[in-house]
N, C-alpha and C. Protein backbone atom coordinates (compact mmCIF):
# COMPACT_ATOMS: atom_id res chain seq x y z
N UNK A 1 0.83 -1.18 0.00
CA UNK A 1 0.00 0.00 0.00
C UNK A 1 0.88 1.24 0.00
N UNK A 2 0.59 2.18 -0.85
CA UNK A 2 1.41 3.39 -0.93
C UNK A 2 1.06 4.35 0.17
N UNK A 3 2.03 5.15 0.55
CA UNK A 3 1.82 6.12 1.61
C UNK A 3 0.93 7.25 1.12
N UNK A 4 -0.06 7.60 1.90
CA UNK A 4 -1.00 8.65 1.50
C UNK A 4 -0.33 10.01 1.51
N UNK A 5 -0.73 10.83 0.54
CA UNK A 5 -0.26 12.21 0.52
C UNK A 5 -1.38 13.17 0.86
N UNK A 6 -2.51 12.63 1.30
CA UNK A 6 -3.63 13.48 1.65
C UNK A 6 -3.26 14.35 2.83
N UNK A 7 -3.68 15.62 2.79
CA UNK A 7 -3.30 16.57 3.83
C UNK A 7 -3.81 16.18 5.19
N UNK A 8 -4.86 15.37 5.24
CA UNK A 8 -5.43 15.00 6.53
C UNK A 8 -4.51 14.07 7.30
N UNK A 9 -3.47 13.51 6.68
CA UNK A 9 -2.58 12.59 7.38
C UNK A 9 -1.17 13.14 7.54
N UNK A 10 -0.90 14.37 7.09
CA UNK A 10 0.47 14.81 6.98
C UNK A 10 1.02 15.58 8.18
N UNK A 11 0.17 16.25 8.95
CA UNK A 11 0.68 17.06 10.03
C UNK A 11 1.31 16.18 11.11
N UNK A 12 2.37 16.67 11.77
CA UNK A 12 3.05 15.89 12.79
C UNK A 12 2.24 15.82 14.08
N UNK A 13 1.98 16.98 14.70
CA UNK A 13 1.28 16.98 15.97
C UNK A 13 -0.23 17.00 15.73
N UNK A 14 -0.93 16.07 16.36
CA UNK A 14 -2.37 16.00 16.20
C UNK A 14 -3.02 17.25 16.78
N UNK A 15 -3.85 17.92 16.01
CA UNK A 15 -4.43 19.18 16.44
C UNK A 15 -5.95 19.20 16.45
N UNK A 16 -6.58 18.14 15.98
CA UNK A 16 -8.04 18.07 15.95
C UNK A 16 -8.46 16.71 16.49
N UNK A 17 -9.42 16.69 17.39
CA UNK A 17 -9.90 15.42 17.93
C UNK A 17 -11.34 15.56 18.41
N UNK A 18 -11.96 14.42 18.64
CA UNK A 18 -13.34 14.35 19.10
C UNK A 18 -13.40 13.68 20.47
N UNK A 19 -14.37 14.07 21.26
CA UNK A 19 -14.62 13.41 22.54
C UNK A 19 -15.49 12.18 22.30
N UNK A 20 -15.52 11.24 23.24
CA UNK A 20 -16.41 10.08 23.10
C UNK A 20 -17.87 10.49 22.91
N UNK A 21 -18.29 11.58 23.56
CA UNK A 21 -19.67 12.02 23.43
C UNK A 21 -19.96 12.51 22.00
N UNK A 22 -19.00 13.16 21.39
CA UNK A 22 -19.19 13.61 20.01
C UNK A 22 -19.25 12.44 19.04
N UNK A 23 -18.42 11.44 19.30
CA UNK A 23 -18.45 10.24 18.47
C UNK A 23 -19.79 9.52 18.62
N UNK A 24 -20.29 9.44 19.85
CA UNK A 24 -21.60 8.81 20.07
C UNK A 24 -22.70 9.56 19.31
N UNK A 25 -22.61 10.88 19.27
CA UNK A 25 -23.61 11.67 18.54
C UNK A 25 -23.55 11.37 17.05
N UNK A 26 -22.36 11.17 16.51
CA UNK A 26 -22.24 10.82 15.10
C UNK A 26 -22.78 9.41 14.85
N UNK A 27 -22.58 8.51 15.77
CA UNK A 27 -23.14 7.16 15.62
C UNK A 27 -24.66 7.21 15.65
N UNK A 28 -25.20 8.05 16.52
CA UNK A 28 -26.66 8.22 16.55
C UNK A 28 -27.16 8.78 15.22
N UNK A 29 -26.43 9.74 14.68
CA UNK A 29 -26.81 10.31 13.39
C UNK A 29 -26.78 9.25 12.29
N UNK A 30 -25.83 8.33 12.38
CA UNK A 30 -25.73 7.26 11.38
C UNK A 30 -26.96 6.35 11.42
N UNK A 31 -27.46 6.06 12.61
CA UNK A 31 -28.60 5.15 12.73
C UNK A 31 -29.94 5.85 12.47
N UNK A 32 -29.94 7.19 12.47
CA UNK A 32 -31.20 7.93 12.33
C UNK A 32 -31.37 8.62 10.99
N UNK A 33 -30.31 8.74 10.19
CA UNK A 33 -30.38 9.52 8.96
C UNK A 33 -29.78 8.74 7.79
N UNK A 34 -30.10 9.19 6.59
CA UNK A 34 -29.56 8.55 5.40
C UNK A 34 -30.42 7.38 4.95
N UNK A 35 -30.01 6.77 3.84
CA UNK A 35 -30.75 5.62 3.31
C UNK A 35 -30.81 4.52 4.36
N UNK A 36 -32.01 3.97 4.56
CA UNK A 36 -32.22 3.00 5.64
C UNK A 36 -31.26 1.83 5.54
N UNK A 37 -31.05 1.31 4.33
CA UNK A 37 -30.23 0.10 4.19
C UNK A 37 -28.74 0.37 4.41
N UNK A 38 -28.34 1.65 4.46
CA UNK A 38 -26.93 1.99 4.69
C UNK A 38 -26.64 2.40 6.13
N UNK A 39 -27.66 2.50 6.94
CA UNK A 39 -27.46 3.06 8.28
C UNK A 39 -26.57 2.18 9.15
N UNK A 40 -26.81 0.87 9.16
CA UNK A 40 -25.99 -0.02 9.98
C UNK A 40 -24.55 -0.02 9.49
N UNK A 41 -24.35 0.04 8.19
CA UNK A 41 -22.99 0.11 7.65
C UNK A 41 -22.29 1.37 8.13
N UNK A 42 -22.96 2.50 8.02
CA UNK A 42 -22.33 3.76 8.40
C UNK A 42 -22.02 3.83 9.89
N UNK A 43 -22.93 3.29 10.71
CA UNK A 43 -22.66 3.27 12.15
C UNK A 43 -21.48 2.37 12.47
N UNK A 44 -21.37 1.24 11.76
CA UNK A 44 -20.24 0.33 11.99
C UNK A 44 -18.93 0.98 11.57
N UNK A 45 -18.95 1.77 10.51
CA UNK A 45 -17.74 2.47 10.08
C UNK A 45 -17.25 3.41 11.17
N UNK A 46 -18.15 4.20 11.73
CA UNK A 46 -17.75 5.15 12.78
C UNK A 46 -17.23 4.40 14.01
N UNK A 47 -17.92 3.32 14.39
CA UNK A 47 -17.49 2.54 15.55
C UNK A 47 -16.10 1.96 15.32
N UNK A 48 -15.86 1.42 14.13
CA UNK A 48 -14.57 0.79 13.86
C UNK A 48 -13.45 1.81 13.80
N UNK A 49 -13.68 2.95 13.19
CA UNK A 49 -12.67 4.00 13.16
C UNK A 49 -12.33 4.46 14.58
N UNK A 50 -13.36 4.66 15.39
CA UNK A 50 -13.14 5.15 16.75
C UNK A 50 -12.41 4.14 17.62
N UNK A 51 -12.66 2.86 17.39
CA UNK A 51 -12.10 1.81 18.23
C UNK A 51 -10.67 1.46 17.84
N UNK A 52 -10.39 1.42 16.54
CA UNK A 52 -9.11 0.89 16.07
C UNK A 52 -8.14 1.95 15.56
N UNK A 53 -8.65 3.14 15.21
CA UNK A 53 -7.77 4.15 14.62
C UNK A 53 -7.29 3.77 13.23
N UNK A 54 -8.03 2.94 12.53
CA UNK A 54 -7.64 2.56 11.18
C UNK A 54 -7.51 3.78 10.28
N UNK A 55 -6.55 3.75 9.40
CA UNK A 55 -6.45 4.77 8.36
C UNK A 55 -7.54 4.49 7.32
N UNK A 56 -7.97 5.54 6.65
CA UNK A 56 -9.04 5.42 5.67
C UNK A 56 -8.70 4.36 4.61
N UNK A 57 -7.47 4.39 4.11
CA UNK A 57 -7.06 3.45 3.08
C UNK A 57 -7.10 2.01 3.58
N UNK A 58 -6.84 1.81 4.86
CA UNK A 58 -6.90 0.47 5.44
C UNK A 58 -8.34 0.01 5.59
N UNK A 59 -9.19 0.91 6.04
CA UNK A 59 -10.60 0.57 6.24
C UNK A 59 -11.23 0.07 4.95
N UNK A 60 -10.96 0.75 3.85
CA UNK A 60 -11.62 0.39 2.59
C UNK A 60 -11.11 -0.93 2.03
N UNK A 61 -9.95 -1.40 2.48
CA UNK A 61 -9.41 -2.66 1.98
C UNK A 61 -9.76 -3.87 2.85
N UNK A 62 -10.46 -3.64 3.95
CA UNK A 62 -10.84 -4.75 4.81
C UNK A 62 -11.79 -5.69 4.08
N UNK A 63 -11.57 -6.97 4.25
CA UNK A 63 -12.50 -7.98 3.75
C UNK A 63 -13.23 -8.61 4.92
N UNK A 64 -14.30 -9.31 4.60
CA UNK A 64 -15.06 -9.95 5.68
C UNK A 64 -14.23 -11.01 6.38
N UNK A 65 -13.28 -11.62 5.68
CA UNK A 65 -12.43 -12.64 6.29
C UNK A 65 -11.46 -12.05 7.31
N UNK A 66 -11.19 -10.76 7.22
CA UNK A 66 -10.28 -10.12 8.17
C UNK A 66 -10.96 -9.81 9.50
N UNK A 67 -12.28 -9.89 9.53
CA UNK A 67 -13.01 -9.75 10.79
C UNK A 67 -13.15 -11.13 11.41
N UNK A 68 -12.42 -11.37 12.47
CA UNK A 68 -12.42 -12.66 13.16
C UNK A 68 -13.49 -12.61 14.24
N UNK A 69 -14.67 -12.93 13.84
CA UNK A 69 -15.85 -12.72 14.68
C UNK A 69 -15.78 -13.49 16.00
N UNK A 70 -15.42 -14.74 15.93
CA UNK A 70 -15.40 -15.55 17.16
C UNK A 70 -14.33 -15.08 18.13
N UNK A 71 -13.23 -14.55 17.62
CA UNK A 71 -12.14 -14.08 18.47
C UNK A 71 -12.32 -12.63 18.91
N UNK A 72 -13.25 -11.92 18.29
CA UNK A 72 -13.42 -10.51 18.61
C UNK A 72 -12.22 -9.69 18.20
N UNK A 73 -11.65 -10.02 17.03
CA UNK A 73 -10.44 -9.36 16.56
C UNK A 73 -10.58 -8.94 15.10
N UNK A 74 -9.70 -8.03 14.73
CA UNK A 74 -9.54 -7.63 13.35
C UNK A 74 -8.12 -8.00 12.92
N UNK A 75 -8.01 -8.74 11.84
CA UNK A 75 -6.71 -9.13 11.32
C UNK A 75 -6.31 -8.15 10.23
N UNK A 76 -5.13 -7.54 10.38
CA UNK A 76 -4.62 -6.58 9.40
C UNK A 76 -3.37 -7.14 8.76
N UNK A 77 -3.46 -7.69 7.54
CA UNK A 77 -2.27 -8.18 6.87
C UNK A 77 -1.37 -7.03 6.45
N UNK A 78 -0.14 -7.33 6.21
CA UNK A 78 0.85 -6.30 5.89
C UNK A 78 0.45 -5.48 4.68
N UNK A 79 -0.10 -6.11 3.66
CA UNK A 79 -0.28 -5.43 2.38
C UNK A 79 -1.34 -4.33 2.40
N UNK A 80 -2.22 -4.30 3.40
CA UNK A 80 -3.21 -3.23 3.43
C UNK A 80 -2.78 -2.07 4.31
N UNK A 81 -1.65 -2.20 5.01
CA UNK A 81 -1.23 -1.17 5.95
C UNK A 81 -0.30 -0.15 5.28
N UNK A 82 -0.25 1.02 5.88
CA UNK A 82 0.65 2.08 5.42
C UNK A 82 2.10 1.62 5.58
N UNK A 83 2.88 1.84 4.54
CA UNK A 83 4.29 1.46 4.61
C UNK A 83 5.08 2.40 5.51
N UNK A 84 6.10 1.88 6.14
CA UNK A 84 6.91 2.68 7.06
C UNK A 84 7.57 3.84 6.34
N UNK A 85 7.50 5.02 6.97
CA UNK A 85 8.13 6.19 6.38
C UNK A 85 9.54 6.42 6.86
N UNK A 86 10.06 5.54 7.72
CA UNK A 86 11.42 5.75 8.24
C UNK A 86 12.41 4.71 7.71
N UNK A 87 12.03 4.05 6.61
CA UNK A 87 12.96 3.14 5.95
C UNK A 87 13.05 1.76 6.54
N UNK A 88 12.21 1.40 7.47
CA UNK A 88 12.26 0.08 8.08
C UNK A 88 11.72 -0.98 7.12
N UNK A 89 12.52 -1.99 6.85
CA UNK A 89 12.10 -3.06 5.96
C UNK A 89 11.18 -4.06 6.66
N UNK A 90 11.19 -4.05 8.00
CA UNK A 90 10.41 -5.03 8.75
C UNK A 90 9.07 -4.45 9.23
N UNK A 91 8.68 -3.31 8.67
CA UNK A 91 7.44 -2.67 9.11
C UNK A 91 6.67 -2.17 7.91
N UNK A 92 5.35 -2.34 7.87
CA UNK A 92 4.49 -2.87 8.94
C UNK A 92 4.52 -4.40 9.01
N UNK A 93 4.07 -4.87 10.15
CA UNK A 93 3.87 -6.30 10.35
C UNK A 93 2.37 -6.57 10.39
N UNK A 94 2.00 -7.81 10.13
CA UNK A 94 0.59 -8.16 10.27
C UNK A 94 0.19 -8.00 11.74
N UNK A 95 -1.05 -7.60 11.95
CA UNK A 95 -1.52 -7.33 13.31
C UNK A 95 -2.88 -8.00 13.55
N UNK A 96 -3.07 -8.43 14.78
CA UNK A 96 -4.39 -8.83 15.27
C UNK A 96 -4.81 -7.77 16.29
N UNK A 97 -5.84 -7.03 15.97
CA UNK A 97 -6.32 -5.97 16.86
C UNK A 97 -7.53 -6.46 17.64
N UNK A 98 -7.43 -6.48 18.95
CA UNK A 98 -8.58 -6.78 19.79
C UNK A 98 -9.59 -5.64 19.64
N UNK A 99 -10.84 -5.99 19.44
CA UNK A 99 -11.88 -4.98 19.30
C UNK A 99 -12.41 -4.55 20.66
N UNK A 100 -12.82 -3.29 20.73
CA UNK A 100 -13.40 -2.70 21.94
C UNK A 100 -12.48 -2.91 23.14
N UNK A 101 -11.24 -2.49 22.96
CA UNK A 101 -10.19 -2.80 23.92
C UNK A 101 -10.44 -2.15 25.29
N UNK A 102 -11.14 -1.01 25.30
CA UNK A 102 -11.42 -0.36 26.58
C UNK A 102 -12.87 -0.51 27.01
N UNK A 103 -13.63 -1.31 26.28
CA UNK A 103 -15.00 -1.63 26.69
C UNK A 103 -15.99 -0.51 26.57
N UNK A 104 -15.71 0.49 25.72
CA UNK A 104 -16.60 1.65 25.64
C UNK A 104 -17.31 1.79 24.30
N UNK A 105 -16.91 1.03 23.28
CA UNK A 105 -17.42 1.27 21.93
C UNK A 105 -18.51 0.28 21.52
N UNK A 106 -18.37 -0.98 21.87
CA UNK A 106 -19.31 -1.99 21.41
C UNK A 106 -19.15 -2.28 19.93
N UNK A 107 -17.91 -2.29 19.48
CA UNK A 107 -17.63 -2.44 18.05
C UNK A 107 -18.13 -3.76 17.50
N UNK A 108 -17.88 -4.84 18.23
CA UNK A 108 -18.28 -6.14 17.72
C UNK A 108 -19.79 -6.23 17.58
N UNK A 109 -20.51 -5.67 18.50
CA UNK A 109 -21.97 -5.66 18.40
C UNK A 109 -22.42 -4.91 17.15
N UNK A 110 -21.80 -3.77 16.88
CA UNK A 110 -22.15 -2.99 15.69
C UNK A 110 -21.84 -3.76 14.41
N UNK A 111 -20.66 -4.37 14.36
CA UNK A 111 -20.28 -5.13 13.17
C UNK A 111 -21.19 -6.33 12.96
N UNK A 112 -21.51 -7.03 14.03
CA UNK A 112 -22.37 -8.21 13.89
C UNK A 112 -23.77 -7.82 13.41
N UNK A 113 -24.32 -6.75 13.98
CA UNK A 113 -25.64 -6.28 13.56
C UNK A 113 -25.63 -5.92 12.08
N UNK A 114 -24.59 -5.22 11.68
CA UNK A 114 -24.46 -4.82 10.28
C UNK A 114 -24.33 -6.03 9.36
N UNK A 115 -23.42 -6.93 9.67
CA UNK A 115 -23.16 -8.06 8.78
C UNK A 115 -24.33 -9.05 8.74
N UNK A 116 -25.05 -9.20 9.83
CA UNK A 116 -26.17 -10.13 9.86
C UNK A 116 -27.34 -9.65 9.03
N UNK A 117 -27.34 -8.35 8.70
CA UNK A 117 -28.46 -7.78 7.94
C UNK A 117 -27.97 -7.02 6.70
N UNK A 118 -26.79 -7.34 6.23
CA UNK A 118 -26.18 -6.58 5.14
C UNK A 118 -26.98 -6.75 3.85
N UNK A 119 -27.17 -5.67 3.13
CA UNK A 119 -28.01 -5.68 1.93
C UNK A 119 -27.28 -6.23 0.70
N UNK A 120 -25.94 -6.34 0.79
CA UNK A 120 -25.16 -6.76 -0.38
C UNK A 120 -24.12 -7.77 0.05
N UNK A 121 -23.99 -8.84 -0.75
CA UNK A 121 -22.97 -9.86 -0.50
C UNK A 121 -21.70 -9.43 -1.21
N UNK A 122 -20.68 -9.09 -0.44
CA UNK A 122 -19.43 -8.60 -1.00
C UNK A 122 -18.26 -9.19 -0.22
N UNK A 123 -17.14 -9.45 -0.88
CA UNK A 123 -15.97 -9.92 -0.14
C UNK A 123 -15.37 -8.84 0.75
N UNK A 124 -15.65 -7.58 0.43
CA UNK A 124 -15.15 -6.47 1.24
C UNK A 124 -16.11 -6.18 2.38
N UNK A 125 -15.55 -5.73 3.48
CA UNK A 125 -16.37 -5.48 4.66
C UNK A 125 -17.36 -4.36 4.43
N UNK A 126 -16.93 -3.32 3.70
CA UNK A 126 -17.79 -2.16 3.48
C UNK A 126 -17.97 -1.88 1.99
N UNK A 127 -19.02 -2.44 1.39
CA UNK A 127 -19.33 -2.11 0.00
C UNK A 127 -20.07 -0.78 -0.09
N UNK A 128 -20.13 -0.25 -1.30
CA UNK A 128 -20.91 0.96 -1.56
C UNK A 128 -22.16 0.58 -2.34
N UNK A 129 -22.97 1.57 -2.66
CA UNK A 129 -24.16 1.29 -3.47
C UNK A 129 -23.77 0.72 -4.83
N UNK A 130 -22.70 1.30 -5.42
CA UNK A 130 -22.35 0.98 -6.79
C UNK A 130 -21.30 -0.12 -6.92
N UNK A 131 -20.59 -0.43 -5.85
CA UNK A 131 -19.42 -1.30 -5.96
C UNK A 131 -19.30 -2.21 -4.75
N UNK A 132 -18.51 -3.26 -4.92
CA UNK A 132 -18.24 -4.17 -3.80
C UNK A 132 -17.35 -3.54 -2.75
N UNK A 133 -16.69 -2.43 -3.06
CA UNK A 133 -15.71 -1.82 -2.16
C UNK A 133 -15.89 -0.31 -2.14
N UNK A 134 -16.04 0.26 -0.95
CA UNK A 134 -16.10 1.71 -0.82
C UNK A 134 -14.75 2.32 -1.19
N UNK A 135 -14.77 3.52 -1.73
CA UNK A 135 -13.54 4.27 -1.96
C UNK A 135 -13.25 5.13 -0.73
N UNK A 136 -12.02 5.62 -0.65
CA UNK A 136 -11.68 6.50 0.47
C UNK A 136 -12.51 7.78 0.41
N UNK A 137 -12.81 8.24 -0.80
CA UNK A 137 -13.65 9.44 -0.92
C UNK A 137 -15.05 9.17 -0.38
N UNK A 138 -15.59 7.99 -0.65
CA UNK A 138 -16.92 7.64 -0.14
C UNK A 138 -16.93 7.65 1.39
N UNK A 139 -15.88 7.10 2.01
CA UNK A 139 -15.81 7.10 3.46
C UNK A 139 -15.72 8.52 4.00
N UNK A 140 -14.89 9.36 3.37
CA UNK A 140 -14.80 10.76 3.80
C UNK A 140 -16.15 11.45 3.71
N UNK A 141 -16.89 11.16 2.63
CA UNK A 141 -18.19 11.79 2.47
C UNK A 141 -19.17 11.35 3.54
N UNK A 142 -19.13 10.06 3.89
CA UNK A 142 -20.01 9.56 4.95
C UNK A 142 -19.67 10.24 6.27
N UNK A 143 -18.39 10.30 6.60
CA UNK A 143 -17.96 10.92 7.86
C UNK A 143 -18.37 12.39 7.91
N UNK A 144 -18.15 13.10 6.82
CA UNK A 144 -18.49 14.53 6.81
C UNK A 144 -19.99 14.75 6.93
N UNK A 145 -20.77 13.93 6.24
CA UNK A 145 -22.23 14.08 6.33
C UNK A 145 -22.70 13.85 7.77
N UNK A 146 -22.18 12.82 8.41
CA UNK A 146 -22.60 12.53 9.78
C UNK A 146 -22.13 13.62 10.75
N UNK A 147 -20.96 14.19 10.49
CA UNK A 147 -20.49 15.30 11.33
C UNK A 147 -21.44 16.48 11.21
N UNK A 148 -21.93 16.76 10.01
CA UNK A 148 -22.90 17.85 9.83
C UNK A 148 -24.24 17.51 10.47
N UNK A 149 -24.68 16.27 10.32
CA UNK A 149 -25.95 15.87 10.93
C UNK A 149 -25.90 16.01 12.44
N UNK A 150 -24.74 15.70 13.03
CA UNK A 150 -24.60 15.78 14.49
C UNK A 150 -24.11 17.15 14.96
N UNK A 151 -23.90 18.07 14.01
CA UNK A 151 -23.35 19.39 14.32
C UNK A 151 -22.10 19.27 15.18
N UNK A 152 -21.18 18.45 14.73
CA UNK A 152 -19.96 18.16 15.47
C UNK A 152 -18.98 19.32 15.38
N UNK A 153 -18.56 19.80 16.52
CA UNK A 153 -17.57 20.88 16.61
C UNK A 153 -16.32 20.32 17.30
N UNK A 154 -15.40 19.78 16.53
CA UNK A 154 -14.24 19.12 17.13
C UNK A 154 -13.38 20.08 17.93
N UNK A 155 -12.60 19.53 18.84
CA UNK A 155 -11.66 20.33 19.59
C UNK A 155 -10.41 20.56 18.75
N UNK A 156 -9.85 21.76 18.89
CA UNK A 156 -8.68 22.14 18.11
C UNK A 156 -7.61 22.70 19.03
N UNK A 157 -6.37 22.48 18.63
CA UNK A 157 -5.21 22.93 19.39
C UNK A 157 -4.23 23.50 18.37
N UNK A 158 -4.08 24.84 18.36
CA UNK A 158 -3.26 25.43 17.31
C UNK A 158 -1.79 25.50 17.72
N UNK A 159 -0.97 25.96 16.81
CA UNK A 159 0.48 25.96 17.03
C UNK A 159 0.91 26.88 18.16
N UNK A 160 0.10 27.84 18.50
CA UNK A 160 0.43 28.75 19.59
C UNK A 160 0.02 28.19 20.95
N UNK A 161 -0.61 27.01 20.94
CA UNK A 161 -1.03 26.41 22.19
C UNK A 161 -2.41 26.82 22.65
N UNK A 162 -3.17 27.49 21.78
CA UNK A 162 -4.52 27.93 22.12
C UNK A 162 -5.53 26.85 21.74
N UNK A 163 -6.53 26.71 22.61
CA UNK A 163 -7.61 25.78 22.34
C UNK A 163 -8.75 26.49 21.64
N UNK A 164 -9.49 25.73 20.86
CA UNK A 164 -10.66 26.27 20.20
C UNK A 164 -11.56 25.14 19.74
N UNK A 165 -12.56 25.51 18.98
CA UNK A 165 -13.48 24.53 18.43
C UNK A 165 -13.56 24.71 16.93
N UNK A 166 -13.67 23.61 16.23
CA UNK A 166 -13.80 23.64 14.79
C UNK A 166 -15.25 23.50 14.38
N UNK A 167 -15.46 23.11 13.13
CA UNK A 167 -16.80 22.89 12.62
C UNK A 167 -16.84 21.54 11.92
N UNK A 168 -18.01 21.10 11.50
CA UNK A 168 -18.11 19.76 10.91
C UNK A 168 -17.18 19.51 9.72
N UNK A 169 -16.84 20.54 9.00
CA UNK A 169 -15.94 20.35 7.85
C UNK A 169 -14.54 19.95 8.27
N UNK A 170 -14.21 20.12 9.55
CA UNK A 170 -12.88 19.72 10.04
C UNK A 170 -12.82 18.24 10.41
N UNK A 171 -13.94 17.54 10.33
CA UNK A 171 -13.98 16.14 10.73
C UNK A 171 -13.78 15.26 9.50
N UNK A 172 -12.74 14.44 9.52
CA UNK A 172 -12.45 13.49 8.45
C UNK A 172 -12.02 12.17 9.09
N UNK A 173 -11.87 11.10 8.35
CA UNK A 173 -11.59 9.80 8.97
C UNK A 173 -10.36 9.78 9.86
N UNK A 174 -9.30 10.51 9.53
CA UNK A 174 -8.08 10.45 10.34
C UNK A 174 -8.28 11.09 11.72
N UNK A 175 -9.28 11.94 11.86
CA UNK A 175 -9.55 12.55 13.17
C UNK A 175 -9.90 11.48 14.20
N UNK A 176 -10.49 10.37 13.75
CA UNK A 176 -10.82 9.29 14.69
C UNK A 176 -9.57 8.61 15.22
N UNK A 177 -8.52 8.61 14.44
CA UNK A 177 -7.23 8.08 14.90
C UNK A 177 -6.69 8.95 16.03
N UNK A 178 -6.74 10.26 15.84
CA UNK A 178 -6.33 11.17 16.91
C UNK A 178 -7.23 11.01 18.14
N UNK A 179 -8.52 10.85 17.89
CA UNK A 179 -9.48 10.76 18.99
C UNK A 179 -9.26 9.51 19.83
N UNK A 180 -8.86 8.41 19.18
CA UNK A 180 -8.54 7.19 19.91
C UNK A 180 -7.37 7.42 20.85
N UNK A 181 -6.33 8.07 20.36
CA UNK A 181 -5.18 8.36 21.21
C UNK A 181 -5.59 9.23 22.40
N UNK A 182 -6.39 10.26 22.14
CA UNK A 182 -6.85 11.14 23.21
C UNK A 182 -7.65 10.36 24.25
N UNK A 183 -8.58 9.51 23.78
CA UNK A 183 -9.43 8.76 24.71
C UNK A 183 -8.61 7.82 25.59
N UNK A 184 -7.68 7.10 24.99
CA UNK A 184 -6.89 6.15 25.77
C UNK A 184 -5.98 6.85 26.76
N UNK A 185 -5.37 7.95 26.35
CA UNK A 185 -4.45 8.65 27.26
C UNK A 185 -5.18 9.37 28.38
N UNK A 186 -6.49 9.57 28.22
CA UNK A 186 -7.27 10.23 29.25
C UNK A 186 -8.19 9.26 29.99
N UNK A 187 -7.99 7.97 29.81
CA UNK A 187 -8.79 6.99 30.52
C UNK A 187 -8.42 7.03 31.99
N UNK A 188 -9.39 7.41 32.82
CA UNK A 188 -9.14 7.53 34.27
C UNK A 188 -9.71 6.35 35.05
N UNK A 189 -10.30 5.38 34.32
CA UNK A 189 -10.99 4.30 35.02
C UNK A 189 -10.12 3.08 35.28
N UNK A 190 -8.83 3.15 34.96
CA UNK A 190 -7.97 1.99 35.14
C UNK A 190 -6.87 2.31 36.15
N UNK A 191 -6.51 1.30 36.93
CA UNK A 191 -5.44 1.46 37.90
C UNK A 191 -4.13 0.81 37.44
N UNK A 192 -4.18 0.05 36.33
CA UNK A 192 -3.00 -0.70 35.92
C UNK A 192 -2.12 0.06 34.94
N UNK A 193 -2.54 1.26 34.56
CA UNK A 193 -1.72 2.06 33.66
C UNK A 193 -1.59 1.45 32.27
N UNK A 194 -2.54 0.60 31.89
CA UNK A 194 -2.44 -0.10 30.61
C UNK A 194 -2.41 0.87 29.43
N UNK A 195 -3.21 1.91 29.49
CA UNK A 195 -3.36 2.78 28.34
C UNK A 195 -2.38 3.95 28.41
N UNK A 196 -1.10 3.62 28.35
CA UNK A 196 -0.07 4.64 28.34
C UNK A 196 0.37 4.90 26.91
N UNK A 197 1.40 5.71 26.74
CA UNK A 197 1.85 6.09 25.40
C UNK A 197 2.37 4.87 24.64
N UNK A 198 2.89 3.88 25.34
CA UNK A 198 3.37 2.66 24.68
C UNK A 198 2.20 1.85 24.12
N UNK A 199 1.11 1.81 24.88
CA UNK A 199 -0.08 1.12 24.39
C UNK A 199 -0.64 1.82 23.16
N UNK A 200 -0.67 3.14 23.20
CA UNK A 200 -1.18 3.92 22.06
C UNK A 200 -0.31 3.65 20.83
N UNK A 201 0.99 3.60 21.03
CA UNK A 201 1.89 3.31 19.91
C UNK A 201 1.55 1.97 19.27
N UNK A 202 1.32 0.95 20.09
CA UNK A 202 1.00 -0.37 19.57
C UNK A 202 -0.39 -0.42 18.94
N UNK A 203 -1.33 0.27 19.54
CA UNK A 203 -2.69 0.28 19.01
C UNK A 203 -2.74 0.94 17.63
N UNK A 204 -1.99 2.02 17.48
CA UNK A 204 -1.98 2.76 16.21
C UNK A 204 -0.96 2.21 15.22
N UNK A 205 -0.13 1.25 15.67
CA UNK A 205 0.80 0.54 14.81
C UNK A 205 1.86 1.47 14.21
N UNK A 206 2.35 2.39 15.04
CA UNK A 206 3.45 3.24 14.59
C UNK A 206 4.74 2.43 14.55
N UNK A 207 5.59 2.73 13.58
CA UNK A 207 6.86 2.02 13.45
C UNK A 207 7.80 2.32 14.61
N UNK A 208 7.66 3.49 15.24
CA UNK A 208 8.53 3.86 16.34
C UNK A 208 7.75 4.63 17.39
N UNK A 209 8.23 4.55 18.63
CA UNK A 209 7.61 5.32 19.71
C UNK A 209 7.77 6.81 19.46
N UNK A 210 8.85 7.22 18.81
CA UNK A 210 9.08 8.63 18.55
C UNK A 210 7.95 9.24 17.72
N UNK A 211 7.41 8.47 16.79
CA UNK A 211 6.28 8.95 16.00
C UNK A 211 5.09 9.23 16.90
N UNK A 212 4.81 8.30 17.80
CA UNK A 212 3.69 8.47 18.72
C UNK A 212 3.89 9.69 19.61
N UNK A 213 5.10 9.86 20.10
CA UNK A 213 5.37 11.00 20.97
C UNK A 213 5.22 12.31 20.22
N UNK A 214 5.72 12.37 19.00
CA UNK A 214 5.59 13.61 18.21
C UNK A 214 4.13 13.98 17.99
N UNK A 215 3.32 12.98 17.74
CA UNK A 215 1.94 13.25 17.39
C UNK A 215 1.05 13.46 18.61
N UNK A 216 1.32 12.72 19.70
CA UNK A 216 0.33 12.65 20.77
C UNK A 216 0.82 12.93 22.18
N UNK A 217 2.07 13.21 22.38
CA UNK A 217 2.56 13.42 23.74
C UNK A 217 1.82 14.59 24.41
N UNK A 218 1.47 15.61 23.65
CA UNK A 218 0.77 16.77 24.24
C UNK A 218 -0.62 16.41 24.73
N UNK A 219 -1.19 15.31 24.25
CA UNK A 219 -2.51 14.89 24.70
C UNK A 219 -2.50 14.50 26.18
N UNK A 220 -1.34 14.17 26.72
CA UNK A 220 -1.30 13.73 28.11
C UNK A 220 -1.45 14.90 29.08
N UNK A 221 -1.33 16.12 28.59
CA UNK A 221 -1.38 17.28 29.49
C UNK A 221 -2.50 18.25 29.15
N UNK A 222 -3.39 17.86 28.22
CA UNK A 222 -4.48 18.78 27.88
C UNK A 222 -5.82 18.12 28.15
């Protein structure tokens, strides 16, 4: 898989993110608006992005066989993942991602509901109306529409260190990756320290801890 050049993935320090409540509002919008037969699919997309931090290009390449239903896992083979940008020949590696790792998303329930009632038989996990496989543009359009339906105003952190709020047009699939890091680093319900920066690095499948620190270390203090 080639490295994306889309501007939504290029900035070093994450500056836009959503709270769990905002993500829940978008999931509600998915189940309440749009074509009826697409609602479960769209809700499952938001749940999966929020839970796993998948990149848009990875999400669209998922097949039904990569969802290990009985194990409650998602299998990510090497060929669908973003290639390492630091020259590592041994990265990415295939990954098994446990779903709903912090018990707050209910991802497996959403996926099962969607797949048990899916309107189209496709080898890909998320087909579109016209094709067996959604495009990255289609996913972006779904996310943006739901952000507008939910009137989502994401949190923003500019280069001067000032906080603010954005508008629905600032919400794109990669924002869920940032939001996952924010949620895990701010989890106050655990005593074992499981969701530290090392866990975030592994969950997001960064080739190095330095990448995680550059992007998300500031999340630990805001």
